PDB file of N, CA and C in Angstrom:
ATOM      1  N   MET A   1      -1.807   2.605 -14.678  1.00  0.00           N
ATOM      2  CA  MET A   1      -2.712   2.590 -13.542  1.00  0.00           C
ATOM      3  C   MET A   1      -2.811   3.998 -12.979  1.00  0.00           C
ATOM      4  N   ALA A   2      -3.991   4.380 -12.551  1.00  0.00           N
ATOM      5  CA  ALA A   2      -4.193   5.690 -11.941  1.00  0.00           C
ATOM      6  C   ALA A   2      -3.419   5.769 -10.637  1.00  0.00           C
ATOM      7  N   GLU A   3      -3.027   6.986 -10.297  1.00  0.00           N
ATOM      8  CA  GLU A   3      -2.282   7.165  -9.053  1.00  0.00           C
ATOM      9  C   GLU A   3      -3.140   6.783  -7.862  1.00  0.00           C
ATOM     10  N   ILE A   4      -2.547   6.045  -6.974  1.00  0.00           N
ATOM     11  CA  ILE A   4      -3.218   5.665  -5.725  1.00  0.00           C
ATOM     12  C   ILE A   4      -2.331   6.156  -4.600  1.00  0.00           C
ATOM     13  N   LYS A   5      -2.825   7.134  -3.875  1.00  0.00           N
ATOM     14  CA  LYS A   5      -2.063   7.695  -2.766  1.00  0.00           C
ATOM     15  C   LYS A   5      -2.939   7.740  -1.532  1.00  0.00           C
ATOM     16  N   LEU A   6      -2.290   7.774  -0.378  1.00  0.00           N
ATOM     17  CA  LEU A   6      -3.001   7.901   0.886  1.00  0.00           C
ATOM     18  C   LEU A   6      -2.378   9.040   1.677  1.00  0.00           C
ATOM     19  N   GLY A   7      -3.234   9.873   2.255  1.00  0.00           N
ATOM     20  CA  GLY A   7      -2.757  10.859   3.204  1.00  0.00           C
ATOM     21  C   GLY A   7      -2.441  10.163   4.520  1.00  0.00           C
ATOM     22  N   ILE A   8      -1.922  10.908   5.471  1.00  0.00           N
ATOM     23  CA  ILE A   8      -1.529  10.328   6.752  1.00  0.00           C
ATOM     24  C   ILE A   8      -2.718   9.687   7.466  1.00  0.00           C
ATOM     25  N   VAL A   9      -3.827  10.392   7.521  1.00  0.00           N
ATOM     26  CA  VAL A   9      -5.004   9.861   8.217  1.00  0.00           C
ATOM     27  C   VAL A   9      -5.594   8.684   7.443  1.00  0.00           C
ATOM     28  N   GLU A  10      -5.624   8.795   6.115  1.00  0.00           N
ATOM     29  CA  GLU A  10      -6.117   7.689   5.296  1.00  0.00           C
ATOM     30  C   GLU A  10      -5.246   6.445   5.490  1.00  0.00           C
ATOM     31  N   ALA A  11      -3.944   6.637   5.656  1.00  0.00           N
ATOM     32  CA  ALA A  11      -3.041   5.505   5.868  1.00  0.00           C
ATOM     33  C   ALA A  11      -3.337   4.820   7.206  1.00  0.00           C
ATOM     34  N   ARG A  12      -3.584   5.603   8.248  1.00  0.00           N
ATOM     35  CA  ARG A  12      -3.941   5.012   9.554  1.00  0.00           C
ATOM     36  C   ARG A  12      -5.254   4.241   9.442  1.00  0.00           C
ATOM     37  N   PHE A  13      -6.221   4.822   8.745  1.00  0.00           N
ATOM     38  CA  PHE A  13      -7.514   4.178   8.524  1.00  0.00           C
ATOM     39  C   PHE A  13      -7.333   2.875   7.739  1.00  0.00           C
ATOM     40  N   SER A  14      -6.527   2.934   6.693  1.00  0.00           N
ATOM     41  CA  SER A  14      -6.276   1.750   5.867  1.00  0.00           C
ATOM     42  C   SER A  14      -5.625   0.643   6.671  1.00  0.00           C
ATOM     43  N   ASP A  15      -4.693   1.015   7.541  1.00  0.00           N
ATOM     44  CA  ASP A  15      -4.052   0.004   8.394  1.00  0.00           C
ATOM     45  C   ASP A  15      -5.077  -0.732   9.251  1.00  0.00           C
ATOM     46  N   ILE A  16      -6.065   0.010   9.746  1.00  0.00           N
ATOM     47  CA  ILE A  16      -7.122  -0.628  10.542  1.00  0.00           C
ATOM     48  C   ILE A  16      -7.841  -1.683   9.708  1.00  0.00           C
ATOM     49  N   ILE A  17      -8.144  -1.334   8.470  1.00  0.00           N
ATOM     50  CA  ILE A  17      -8.840  -2.293   7.603  1.00  0.00           C
ATOM     51  C   ILE A  17      -7.923  -3.458   7.256  1.00  0.00           C
ATOM     52  N   TRP A  18      -6.690  -3.168   6.822  1.00  0.00           N
ATOM     53  CA  TRP A  18      -5.768  -4.252   6.454  1.00  0.00           C
ATOM     54  C   TRP A  18      -5.544  -5.212   7.614  1.00  0.00           C
ATOM     55  N   GLU A  19      -5.502  -4.715   8.837  1.00  0.00           N
ATOM     56  CA  GLU A  19      -5.255  -5.573   9.993  1.00  0.00           C
ATOM     57  C   GLU A  19      -6.476  -6.385  10.423  1.00  0.00           C
ATOM     58  N   ASN A  20      -7.678  -5.958  10.014  1.00  0.00           N
ATOM     59  CA  ASN A  20      -8.895  -6.589  10.532  1.00  0.00           C
ATOM     60  C   ASN A  20      -9.832  -7.160   9.467  1.00  0.00           C
ATOM     61  N   ALA A  21      -9.568  -6.928   8.212  1.00  0.00           N
ATOM     62  CA  ALA A  21     -10.490  -7.353   7.152  1.00  0.00           C
ATOM     63  C   ALA A  21     -10.498  -8.870   7.016  1.00  0.00           C
ATOM     64  N   PRO A  22     -11.608  -9.427   6.584  1.00  0.00           N
ATOM     65  CA  PRO A  22     -12.882  -8.727   6.357  1.00  0.00           C
ATOM     66  C   PRO A  22     -13.557  -8.385   7.686  1.00  0.00           C
ATOM     67  N   LEU A  23     -14.266  -7.268   7.661  1.00  0.00           N
ATOM     68  CA  LEU A  23     -15.007  -6.852   8.852  1.00  0.00           C
ATOM     69  C   LEU A  23     -16.254  -6.102   8.415  1.00  0.00           C
ATOM     70  N   THR A  24     -17.228  -6.062   9.292  1.00  0.00           N
ATOM     71  CA  THR A  24     -18.458  -5.355   8.956  1.00  0.00           C
ATOM     72  C   THR A  24     -18.236  -3.852   9.090  1.00  0.00           C
ATOM     73  N   THR A  25     -19.076  -3.082   8.442  1.00  0.00           N
ATOM     74  CA  THR A  25     -18.966  -1.627   8.557  1.00  0.00           C
ATOM     75  C   THR A  25     -19.212  -1.200  10.004  1.00  0.00           C
ATOM     76  N   LYS A  26     -20.065  -1.923  10.709  1.00  0.00           N
ATOM     77  CA  LYS A  26     -20.291  -1.610  12.126  1.00  0.00           C
ATOM     78  C   LYS A  26     -19.019  -1.828  12.940  1.00  0.00           C
ATOM     79  N   GLU A  27     -18.346  -2.952  12.708  1.00  0.00           N
ATOM     80  CA  GLU A  27     -17.084  -3.211  13.402  1.00  0.00           C
ATOM     81  C   GLU A  27     -16.047  -2.131  13.070  1.00  0.00           C
ATOM     82  N   LEU A  28     -16.028  -1.719  11.805  1.00  0.00           N
ATOM     83  CA  LEU A  28     -15.087  -0.684  11.382  1.00  0.00           C
ATOM     84  C   LEU A  28     -15.378   0.642  12.076  1.00  0.00           C
ATOM     85  N   THR A  29     -16.651   1.015  12.167  1.00  0.00           N
ATOM     86  CA  THR A  29     -16.978   2.277  12.842  1.00  0.00           C
ATOM     87  C   THR A  29     -16.587   2.238  14.317  1.00  0.00           C
ATOM     88  N   ILE A  30     -16.748   1.091  14.952  1.00  0.00           N
ATOM     89  CA  ILE A  30     -16.357   0.951  16.361  1.00  0.00           C
ATOM     90  C   ILE A  30     -14.836   1.098  16.500  1.00  0.00           C
ATOM     91  N   LEU A  31     -14.083   0.429  15.619  1.00  0.00           N
ATOM     92  CA  LEU A  31     -12.628   0.538  15.659  1.00  0.00           C
ATOM     93  C   LEU A  31     -12.157   1.965  15.393  1.00  0.00           C
ATOM     94  N   CYS A  32     -12.783   2.629  14.433  1.00  0.00           N
ATOM     95  CA  CYS A  32     -12.378   3.998  14.095  1.00  0.00           C
ATOM     96  C   CYS A  32     -12.741   4.988  15.197  1.00  0.00           C
ATOM     97  N   GLU A  33     -13.845   4.728  15.880  1.00  0.00           N
ATOM     98  CA  GLU A  33     -14.188   5.586  17.016  1.00  0.00           C
ATOM     99  C   GLU A  33     -13.127   5.434  18.107  1.00  0.00           C
ATOM    100  N   LYS A  34     -12.715   4.199  18.345  1.00  0.00           N
ATOM    101  CA  LYS A  34     -11.730   3.917  19.387  1.00  0.00           C
ATOM    102  C   LYS A  34     -10.330   4.407  18.992  1.00  0.00           C
ATOM    103  N   GLU A  35      -9.891   4.078  17.772  1.00  0.00           N
ATOM    104  CA  GLU A  35      -8.527   4.360  17.337  1.00  0.00           C
ATOM    105  C   GLU A  35      -8.312   5.791  16.837  1.00  0.00           C
ATOM    106  N   LEU A  36      -9.329   6.331  16.157  1.00  0.00           N
ATOM    107  CA  LEU A  36      -9.169   7.639  15.511  1.00  0.00           C
ATOM    108  C   LEU A  36     -10.071   8.722  16.078  1.00  0.00           C
ATOM    109  N   ASN A  37     -10.956   8.323  17.009  1.00  0.00           N
ATOM    110  CA  ASN A  37     -11.934   9.242  17.585  1.00  0.00           C
ATOM    111  C   ASN A  37     -12.870   9.827  16.508  1.00  0.00           C
ATOM    112  N   TRP A  38     -13.269   8.968  15.560  1.00  0.00           N
ATOM    113  CA  TRP A  38     -14.125   9.379  14.453  1.00  0.00           C
ATOM    114  C   TRP A  38     -15.581   9.059  14.738  1.00  0.00           C
ATOM    115  N   LYS A  39     -16.442   9.870  14.146  1.00  0.00           N
ATOM    116  CA  LYS A  39     -17.868   9.590  14.113  1.00  0.00           C
ATOM    117  C   LYS A  39     -18.127   8.591  12.975  1.00  0.00           C
ATOM    118  N   ARG A  40     -19.280   7.959  13.039  1.00  0.00           N
ATOM    119  CA  ARG A  40     -19.666   6.986  12.009  1.00  0.00           C
ATOM    120  C   ARG A  40     -19.628   7.610  10.621  1.00  0.00           C
ATOM    121  N   THR A  41     -20.127   8.843  10.493  1.00  0.00           N
ATOM    122  CA  THR A  41     -20.186   9.486   9.176  1.00  0.00           C
ATOM    123  C   THR A  41     -18.797   9.710   8.585  1.00  0.00           C
ATOM    124  N   THR A  42     -17.828  10.044   9.435  1.00  0.00           N
ATOM    125  CA  THR A  42     -16.453  10.232   8.952  1.00  0.00           C
ATOM    126  C   THR A  42     -15.900   8.914   8.432  1.00  0.00           C
ATOM    127  N   THR A  43     -16.137   7.848   9.171  1.00  0.00           N
ATOM    128  CA  THR A  43     -15.674   6.524   8.748  1.00  0.00           C
ATOM    129  C   THR A  43     -16.260   6.168   7.391  1.00  0.00           C
ATOM    130  N   TYR A  44     -17.558   6.365   7.219  1.00  0.00           N
ATOM    131  CA  TYR A  44     -18.200   6.030   5.940  1.00  0.00           C
ATOM    132  C   TYR A  44     -17.700   6.906   4.808  1.00  0.00           C
ATOM    133  N   THR A  45     -17.449   8.178   5.074  1.00  0.00           N
ATOM    134  CA  THR A  45     -16.960   9.087   4.027  1.00  0.00           C
ATOM    135  C   THR A  45     -15.583   8.661   3.531  1.00  0.00           C
ATOM    136  N   VAL A  46     -14.679   8.385   4.476  1.00  0.00           N
ATOM    137  CA  VAL A  46     -13.322   7.986   4.091  1.00  0.00           C
ATOM    138  C   VAL A  46     -13.344   6.604   3.442  1.00  0.00           C
ATOM    139  N   LEU A  47     -14.152   5.703   3.952  1.00  0.00           N
ATOM    140  CA  LEU A  47     -14.274   4.371   3.346  1.00  0.00           C
ATOM    141  C   LEU A  47     -14.736   4.475   1.902  1.00  0.00           C
ATOM    142  N   LYS A  48     -15.722   5.309   1.635  1.00  0.00           N
ATOM    143  CA  LYS A  48     -16.216   5.477   0.268  1.00  0.00           C
ATOM    144  C   LYS A  48     -15.108   5.984  -0.654  1.00  0.00           C
ATOM    145  N   LYS A  49     -14.325   6.951  -0.180  1.00  0.00           N
ATOM    146  CA  LYS A  49     -13.224   7.484  -0.999  1.00  0.00           C
ATOM    147  C   LYS A  49     -12.226   6.385  -1.352  1.00  0.00           C
ATOM    148  N   LEU A  50     -11.890   5.556  -0.364  1.00  0.00           N
ATOM    149  CA  LEU A  50     -10.899   4.513  -0.621  1.00  0.00           C
ATOM    150  C   LEU A  50     -11.467   3.368  -1.451  1.00  0.00           C
ATOM    151  N   CYS A  51     -12.764   3.144  -1.337  1.00  0.00           N
ATOM    152  CA  CYS A  51     -13.418   2.171  -2.226  1.00  0.00           C
ATOM    153  C   CYS A  51     -13.428   2.701  -3.659  1.00  0.00           C
ATOM    154  N   ASP A  52     -13.699   3.986  -3.819  1.00  0.00           N
ATOM    155  CA  ASP A  52     -13.691   4.603  -5.151  1.00  0.00           C
ATOM    156  C   ASP A  52     -12.307   4.536  -5.798  1.00  0.00           C
ATOM    157  N   ARG A  53     -11.260   4.547  -4.985  1.00  0.00           N
ATOM    158  CA  ARG A  53      -9.886   4.440  -5.494  1.00  0.00           C
ATOM    159  C   ARG A  53      -9.492   2.987  -5.777  1.00  0.00           C
ATOM    160  N   GLY A  54     -10.343   2.043  -5.403  1.00  0.00           N
ATOM    161  CA  GLY A  54     -10.072   0.639  -5.695  1.00  0.00           C
ATOM    162  C   GLY A  54      -9.192  -0.064  -4.688  1.00  0.00           C
ATOM    163  N   ILE A  55      -9.073   0.502  -3.486  1.00  0.00           N
ATOM    164  CA  ILE A  55      -8.243  -0.124  -2.460  1.00  0.00           C
ATOM    165  C   ILE A  55      -9.061  -1.116  -1.635  1.00  0.00           C
ATOM    166  N   PHE A  56     -10.281  -0.724  -1.320  1.00  0.00           N
ATOM    167  CA  PHE A  56     -11.197  -1.582  -0.550  1.00  0.00           C
ATOM    168  C   PHE A  56     -12.532  -1.645  -1.270  1.00  0.00           C
ATOM    169  N   CYS A  57     -13.405  -2.535  -0.806  1.00  0.00           N
ATOM    170  CA  CYS A  57     -14.771  -2.580  -1.328  1.00  0.00           C
ATOM    171  C   CYS A  57     -15.709  -2.986  -0.192  1.00  0.00           C
ATOM    172  N   THR A  58     -16.948  -2.616  -0.361  1.00  0.00           N
ATOM    173  CA  THR A  58     -17.976  -3.041   0.589  1.00  0.00           C
ATOM    174  C   THR A  58     -19.081  -3.733  -0.174  1.00  0.00           C
ATOM    175  N   LYS A  59     -19.574  -4.804   0.413  1.00  0.00           N
ATOM    176  CA  LYS A  59     -20.702  -5.523  -0.172  1.00  0.00           C
ATOM    177  C   LYS A  59     -21.492  -6.110   0.982  1.00  0.00           C
ATOM    178  N   ASP A  60     -22.771  -5.812   1.003  1.00  0.00           N
ATOM    179  CA  ASP A  60     -23.664  -6.315   2.046  1.00  0.00           C
ATOM    180  C   ASP A  60     -23.146  -5.987   3.447  1.00  0.00           C
ATOM    181  N   GLY A  61     -22.584  -4.793   3.598  1.00  0.00           N
ATOM    182  CA  GLY A  61     -22.125  -4.343   4.907  1.00  0.00           C
ATOM    183  C   GLY A  61     -20.806  -4.928   5.372  1.00  0.00           C
ATOM    184  N   VAL A  62     -20.083  -5.589   4.459  1.00  0.00           N
ATOM    185  CA  VAL A  62     -18.790  -6.173   4.803  1.00  0.00           C
ATOM    186  C   VAL A  62     -17.700  -5.464   4.004  1.00  0.00           C
ATOM    187  N   VAL A  63     -16.665  -5.021   4.713  1.00  0.00           N
ATOM    188  CA  VAL A  63     -15.532  -4.346   4.088  1.00  0.00           C
ATOM    189  C   VAL A  63     -14.469  -5.390   3.764  1.00  0.00           C
ATOM    190  N   SER A  64     -14.031  -5.398   2.499  1.00  0.00           N
ATOM    191  CA  SER A  64     -13.016  -6.336   2.046  1.00  0.00           C
ATOM    192  C   SER A  64     -11.859  -5.572   1.408  1.00  0.00           C
ATOM    193  N   VAL A  65     -10.730  -6.227   1.357  1.00  0.00           N
ATOM    194  CA  VAL A  65      -9.525  -5.659   0.762  1.00  0.00           C
ATOM    195  C   VAL A  65      -9.495  -6.001  -0.721  1.00  0.00           C
ATOM    196  N   VAL A  66      -9.272  -4.991  -1.552  1.00  0.00           N
ATOM    197  CA  VAL A  66      -9.056  -5.207  -2.981  1.00  0.00           C
ATOM    198  C   VAL A  66      -7.552  -5.238  -3.248  1.00  0.00           C
ATOM    199  N   LEU A  67      -6.827  -4.265  -2.693  1.00  0.00           N
ATOM    200  CA  LEU A  67      -5.370  -4.217  -2.787  1.00  0.00           C
ATOM    201  C   LEU A  67      -4.790  -4.505  -1.407  1.00  0.00           C
ATOM    202  N   SER A  68      -3.984  -5.541  -1.305  1.00  0.00           N
ATOM    203  CA  SER A  68      -3.321  -5.804  -0.026  1.00  0.00           C
ATOM    204  C   SER A  68      -2.340  -4.673   0.259  1.00  0.00           C
ATOM    205  N   LYS A  69      -1.876  -4.611   1.482  1.00  0.00           N
ATOM    206  CA  LYS A  69      -0.901  -3.586   1.862  1.00  0.00           C
ATOM    207  C   LYS A  69       0.362  -3.728   1.010  1.00  0.00           C
ATOM    208  N   ASP A  70       0.805  -4.963   0.786  1.00  0.00           N
ATOM    209  CA  ASP A  70       1.992  -5.187  -0.051  1.00  0.00           C
ATOM    210  C   ASP A  70       1.754  -4.725  -1.488  1.00  0.00           C
ATOM    211  N   GLU A  71       0.572  -5.031  -2.032  1.00  0.00           N
ATOM    212  CA  GLU A  71       0.252  -4.587  -3.393  1.00  0.00           C
ATOM    213  C   GLU A  71       0.204  -3.069  -3.469  1.00  0.00           C
ATOM    214  N   PHE A  72      -0.391  -2.449  -2.458  1.00  0.00           N
ATOM    215  CA  PHE A  72      -0.468  -0.993  -2.419  1.00  0.00           C
ATOM    216  C   PHE A  72       0.931  -0.379  -2.449  1.00  0.00           C
ATOM    217  N   PHE A  73       1.835  -0.887  -1.592  1.00  0.00           N
ATOM    218  CA  PHE A  73       3.182  -0.321  -1.548  1.00  0.00           C
ATOM    219  C   PHE A  73       3.974  -0.643  -2.808  1.00  0.00           C
ATOM    220  N   ALA A  74       3.699  -1.759  -3.456  1.00  0.00           N
ATOM    221  CA  ALA A  74       4.344  -2.061  -4.738  1.00  0.00           C
ATOM    222  C   ALA A  74       3.933  -1.019  -5.781  1.00  0.00           C
ATOM    223  N   ILE A  75       2.650  -0.676  -5.809  1.00  0.00           N
ATOM    224  CA  ILE A  75       2.164   0.350  -6.740  1.00  0.00           C
ATOM    225  C   ILE A  75       2.796   1.699  -6.411  1.00  0.00           C
ATOM    226  N   GLN A  76       2.869   2.029  -5.119  1.00  0.00           N
ATOM    227  CA  GLN A  76       3.504   3.279  -4.694  1.00  0.00           C
ATOM    228  C   GLN A  76       4.954   3.333  -5.162  1.00  0.00           C
ATOM    229  N   SER A  77       5.670   2.234  -5.015  1.00  0.00           N
ATOM    230  CA  SER A  77       7.072   2.173  -5.430  1.00  0.00           C
ATOM    231  C   SER A  77       7.207   2.372  -6.930  1.00  0.00           C
ATOM    232  N   GLU A  78       6.355   1.696  -7.689  1.00  0.00           N
ATOM    233  CA  GLU A  78       6.375   1.854  -9.146  1.00  0.00           C
ATOM    234  C   GLU A  78       6.119   3.297  -9.541  1.00  0.00           C
ATOM    235  N   GLN A  79       5.127   3.924  -8.907  1.00  0.00           N
ATOM    236  CA  GLN A  79       4.803   5.316  -9.213  1.00  0.00           C
ATOM    237  C   GLN A  79       5.971   6.239  -8.874  1.00  0.00           C
ATOM    238  N   PHE A  80       6.626   6.003  -7.743  1.00  0.00           N
ATOM    239  CA  PHE A  80       7.761   6.823  -7.332  1.00  0.00           C
ATOM    240  C   PHE A  80       8.889   6.733  -8.354  1.00  0.00           C
ATOM    241  N   VAL A  81       9.229   5.521  -8.759  1.00  0.00           N
ATOM    242  CA  VAL A  81      10.304   5.336  -9.739  1.00  0.00           C
ATOM    243  C   VAL A  81       9.905   5.969 -11.075  1.00  0.00           C
ATOM    244  N   GLN A  82       8.660   5.806 -11.461  1.00  0.00           N
ATOM    245  CA  GLN A  82       8.194   6.389 -12.723  1.00  0.00           C
ATOM    246  C   GLN A  82       8.272   7.914 -12.689  1.00  0.00           C
ATOM    247  N   GLU A  83       7.761   8.505 -11.613  1.00  0.00           N
ATOM    248  CA  GLU A  83       7.707   9.965 -11.511  1.00  0.00           C
ATOM    249  C   GLU A  83       9.080  10.603 -11.341  1.00  0.00           C
ATOM    250  N   ASN A  84       9.968   9.960 -10.608  1.00  0.00           N
ATOM    251  CA  ASN A  84      11.232  10.586 -10.249  1.00  0.00           C
ATOM    252  C   ASN A  84      12.440  10.113 -11.050  1.00  0.00           C
ATOM    253  N   PHE A  85      12.332   8.957 -11.678  1.00  0.00           N
ATOM    254  CA  PHE A  85      13.469   8.395 -12.402  1.00  0.00           C
ATOM    255  C   PHE A  85      13.079   7.923 -13.799  1.00  0.00           C
ATOM    256  N   HIS A  86      11.986   8.487 -14.331  1.00  0.00           N
ATOM    257  CA  HIS A  86      11.494   8.141 -15.673  1.00  0.00           C
ATOM    258  C   HIS A  86      11.328   6.632 -15.841  1.00  0.00           C
ATOM    259  N   GLY A  87      10.956   5.962 -14.752  1.00  0.00           N
ATOM    260  CA  GLY A  87      10.697   4.530 -14.801  1.00  0.00           C
ATOM    261  C   GLY A  87      11.937   3.659 -14.771  1.00  0.00           C
ATOM    262  N   SER A  88      13.109   4.261 -14.582  1.00  0.00           N
ATOM    263  CA  SER A  88      14.363   3.508 -14.635  1.00  0.00           C
ATOM    264  C   SER A  88      14.745   2.991 -13.250  1.00  0.00           C
ATOM    265  N   LEU A  89      14.634   1.691 -13.063  1.00  0.00           N
ATOM    266  CA  LEU A  89      15.041   1.082 -11.805  1.00  0.00           C
ATOM    267  C   LEU A  89      16.549   1.240 -11.568  1.00  0.00           C
ATOM    268  N   PRO A  90      17.399   1.047 -12.591  1.00  0.00           N
ATOM    269  CA  PRO A  90      18.830   1.281 -12.369  1.00  0.00           C
ATOM    270  C   PRO A  90      19.139   2.722 -11.929  1.00  0.00           C
ATOM    271  N   ALA A  91      18.439   3.711 -12.479  1.00  0.00           N
ATOM    272  CA  ALA A  91      18.659   5.102 -12.063  1.00  0.00           C
ATOM    273  C   ALA A  91      18.250   5.298 -10.612  1.00  0.00           C
ATOM    274  N   PHE A  92      17.152   4.663 -10.199  1.00  0.00           N
ATOM    275  CA  PHE A  92      16.736   4.739  -8.804  1.00  0.00           C
ATOM    276  C   PHE A  92      17.791   4.120  -7.888  1.00  0.00           C
ATOM    277  N   ILE A  93      18.257   2.933  -8.235  1.00  0.00           N
ATOM    278  CA  ILE A  93      19.247   2.246  -7.404  1.00  0.00           C
ATOM    279  C   ILE A  93      20.537   3.059  -7.328  1.00  0.00           C
ATOM    280  N   ALA A  94      20.955   3.629  -8.460  1.00  0.00           N
ATOM    281  CA  ALA A  94      22.161   4.458  -8.460  1.00  0.00           C
ATOM    282  C   ALA A  94      21.993   5.654  -7.531  1.00  0.00           C
ATOM    283  N   ALA A  95      20.854   6.308  -7.592  1.00  0.00           N
ATOM    284  CA  ALA A  95      20.612   7.456  -6.717  1.00  0.00           C
ATOM    285  C   ALA A  95      20.555   7.023  -5.256  1.00  0.00           C
ATOM    286  N   PHE A  96      19.891   5.924  -5.000  1.00  0.00           N
ATOM    287  CA  PHE A  96      19.752   5.424  -3.621  1.00  0.00           C
ATOM    288  C   PHE A  96      21.102   5.078  -3.020  1.00  0.00           C
ATOM    289  N   THR A  97      21.954   4.429  -3.794  1.00  0.00           N
ATOM    290  CA  THR A  97      23.227   3.955  -3.253  1.00  0.00           C
ATOM    291  C   THR A  97      24.283   5.044  -3.150  1.00  0.00           C
ATOM    292  N   THR A  98      24.024   6.226  -3.672  1.00  0.00           N
ATOM    293  CA  THR A  98      24.990   7.315  -3.484  1.00  0.00           C
ATOM    294  C   THR A  98      24.999   7.801  -2.043  1.00  0.00           C
ATOM    295  N   ARG A  99      23.912   7.588  -1.313  1.00  0.00           N
ATOM    296  CA  ARG A  99      23.818   8.036   0.086  1.00  0.00           C
ATOM    297  C   ARG A  99      23.842   6.885   1.083  1.00  0.00           C
ATOM    298  N   LYS A 100      23.487   5.705   0.641  1.00  0.00           N
ATOM    299  CA  LYS A 100      23.436   4.563   1.551  1.00  0.00           C
ATOM    300  C   LYS A 100      23.929   3.327   0.809  1.00  0.00           C
ATOM    301  N   SER A 101      25.022   2.795   1.291  1.00  0.00           N
ATOM    302  CA  SER A 101      25.566   1.582   0.670  1.00  0.00           C
ATOM    303  C   SER A 101      24.790   0.371   1.161  1.00  0.00           C
ATOM    304  N   PRO A 102      24.448  -0.512   0.231  1.00  0.00           N
ATOM    305  CA  PRO A 102      23.760  -1.738   0.672  1.00  0.00           C
ATOM    306  C   PRO A 102      24.700  -2.606   1.505  1.00  0.00           C
ATOM    307  N   THR A 103      24.132  -3.277   2.487  1.00  0.00           N
ATOM    308  CA  THR A 103      24.904  -4.211   3.303  1.00  0.00           C
ATOM    309  C   THR A 103      25.146  -5.482   2.494  1.00  0.00           C
ATOM    310  N   PRO A 104      26.107  -6.282   2.899  1.00  0.00           N
ATOM    311  CA  PRO A 104      26.302  -7.568   2.203  1.00  0.00           C
ATOM    312  C   PRO A 104      25.033  -8.422   2.202  1.00  0.00           C
ATOM    313  N   GLU A 105      24.276  -8.381   3.299  1.00  0.00           N
ATOM    314  CA  GLU A 105      23.030  -9.143   3.367  1.00  0.00           C
ATOM    315  C   GLU A 105      22.006  -8.619   2.348  1.00  0.00           C
ATOM    316  N   GLU A 106      21.922  -7.299   2.229  1.00  0.00           N
ATOM    317  CA  GLU A 106      20.987  -6.715   1.253  1.00  0.00           C
ATOM    318  C   GLU A 106      21.396  -7.076  -0.168  1.00  0.00           C
ATOM    319  N   LEU A 107      22.698  -7.041  -0.456  1.00  0.00           N
ATOM    320  CA  LEU A 107      23.166  -7.418  -1.794  1.00  0.00           C
ATOM    321  C   LEU A 107      22.828  -8.875  -2.104  1.00  0.00           C
ATOM    322  N   THR A 108      22.975  -9.746  -1.100  1.00  0.00           N
ATOM    323  CA  THR A 108      22.610 -11.154  -1.283  1.00  0.00           C
ATOM    324  C   THR A 108      21.118 -11.282  -1.563  1.00  0.00           C
ATOM    325  N   GLN A 109      20.297 -10.550  -0.816  1.00  0.00           N
ATOM    326  CA  GLN A 109      18.853 -10.588  -1.042  1.00  0.00           C
ATOM    327  C   GLN A 109      18.502 -10.093  -2.443  1.00  0.00           C
ATOM    328  N   ILE A 110      19.153  -9.038  -2.888  1.00  0.00           N
ATOM    329  CA  ILE A 110      18.890  -8.484  -4.222  1.00  0.00           C
ATOM    330  C   ILE A 110      19.287  -9.494  -5.300  1.00  0.00           C
ATOM    331  N   ARG A 111      20.460 -10.102  -5.139  1.00  0.00           N
ATOM    332  CA  ARG A 111      20.896 -11.117  -6.114  1.00  0.00           C
ATOM    333  C   ARG A 111      19.896 -12.277  -6.173  1.00  0.00           C
ATOM    334  N   THR A 112      19.433 -12.705  -5.009  1.00  0.00           N
ATOM    335  CA  THR A 112      18.463 -13.803  -4.945  1.00  0.00           C
ATOM    336  C   THR A 112      17.171 -13.406  -5.654  1.00  0.00           C
ATOM    337  N   MET A 113      16.731 -12.181  -5.437  1.00  0.00           N
ATOM    338  CA  MET A 113      15.509 -11.700  -6.106  1.00  0.00           C
ATOM    339  C   MET A 113      15.682 -11.693  -7.620  1.00  0.00           C
ATOM    340  N   ILE A 114      16.827 -11.209  -8.093  1.00  0.00           N
ATOM    341  CA  ILE A 114      17.084 -11.151  -9.534  1.00  0.00           C
ATOM    342  C   ILE A 114      17.138 -12.556 -10.120  1.00  0.00           C
ATOM    343  N   GLU A 115      17.862 -13.461  -9.453  1.00  0.00           N
ATOM    344  CA  GLU A 115      17.965 -14.836  -9.940  1.00  0.00           C
ATOM    345  C   GLU A 115      16.600 -15.515  -9.972  1.00  0.00           C
ATOM    346  N   SER A 116      15.804 -15.295  -8.945  1.00  0.00           N
ATOM    347  CA  SER A 116      14.462 -15.869  -8.892  1.00  0.00           C
ATOM    348  C   SER A 116      13.601 -15.330 -10.026  1.00  0.00           C
ATOM    349  N   TYR A 117      13.698 -14.017 -10.252  1.00  0.00           N
ATOM    350  CA  TYR A 117      12.943 -13.406 -11.359  1.00  0.00           C
ATOM    351  C   TYR A 117      13.361 -13.995 -12.696  1.00  0.00           C
ATOM    352  N   GLU A 118      14.675 -14.126 -12.897  1.00  0.00           N
ATOM    353  CA  GLU A 118      15.162 -14.676 -14.164  1.00  0.00           C
ATOM    354  C   GLU A 118      14.686 -16.104 -14.372  1.00  0.00           C
ATOM    355  N   GLU A 119      14.701 -16.912 -13.320  1.00  0.00           N
ATOM    356  CA  GLU A 119      14.247 -18.299 -13.433  1.00  0.00           C
ATOM    357  C   GLU A 119      12.771 -18.374 -13.806  1.00  0.00           C
ATOM    358  N   GLU A 120      11.982 -17.467 -13.264  1.00  0.00           N
ATOM    359  CA  GLU A 120      10.541 -17.495 -13.495  1.00  0.00           C
ATOM    360  C   GLU A 120      10.130 -16.845 -14.811  1.00  0.00           C
ATOM    361  N   ASN A 121      10.941 -15.935 -15.331  1.00  0.00           N
ATOM    362  CA  ASN A 121      10.499 -15.124 -16.464  1.00  0.00           C
ATOM    363  C   ASN A 121      11.339 -15.241 -17.715  1.00  0.00           C
ATOM    364  N   LEU A 122      12.437 -15.951 -17.678  1.00  0.00           N
ATOM    365  CA  LEU A 122      13.268 -16.048 -18.880  1.00  0.00           C
ATOM    366  C   LEU A 122      13.260 -17.434 -19.457  1.00  0.00           C
TER     367      LEU A 122
END
């Protein structure tokens, strides 16, 4: 999958859409004027960029979500592990836990996730 990244301002803009979608482009411009102090043209320019990246889409003046916020962050996580740990989840976890030990609750959650994955996929 192509890299999908958001700058700080794009992330704030995306949050507005994720929190309010589906919404009309008019509603979006009103929200962006209020929240970001943007002109209509700025809203449309940034919206087009994010639609081109496959995060959102517009049809008949309605803005819809293509990638949910959770899906977006899942892709970001995959890209981070791929770029920094050659795609190795164990290498990522080893690096992460050298500075921060998981709590017993986190370990339980991780075990539950692994067991659930195994039940569904093995």
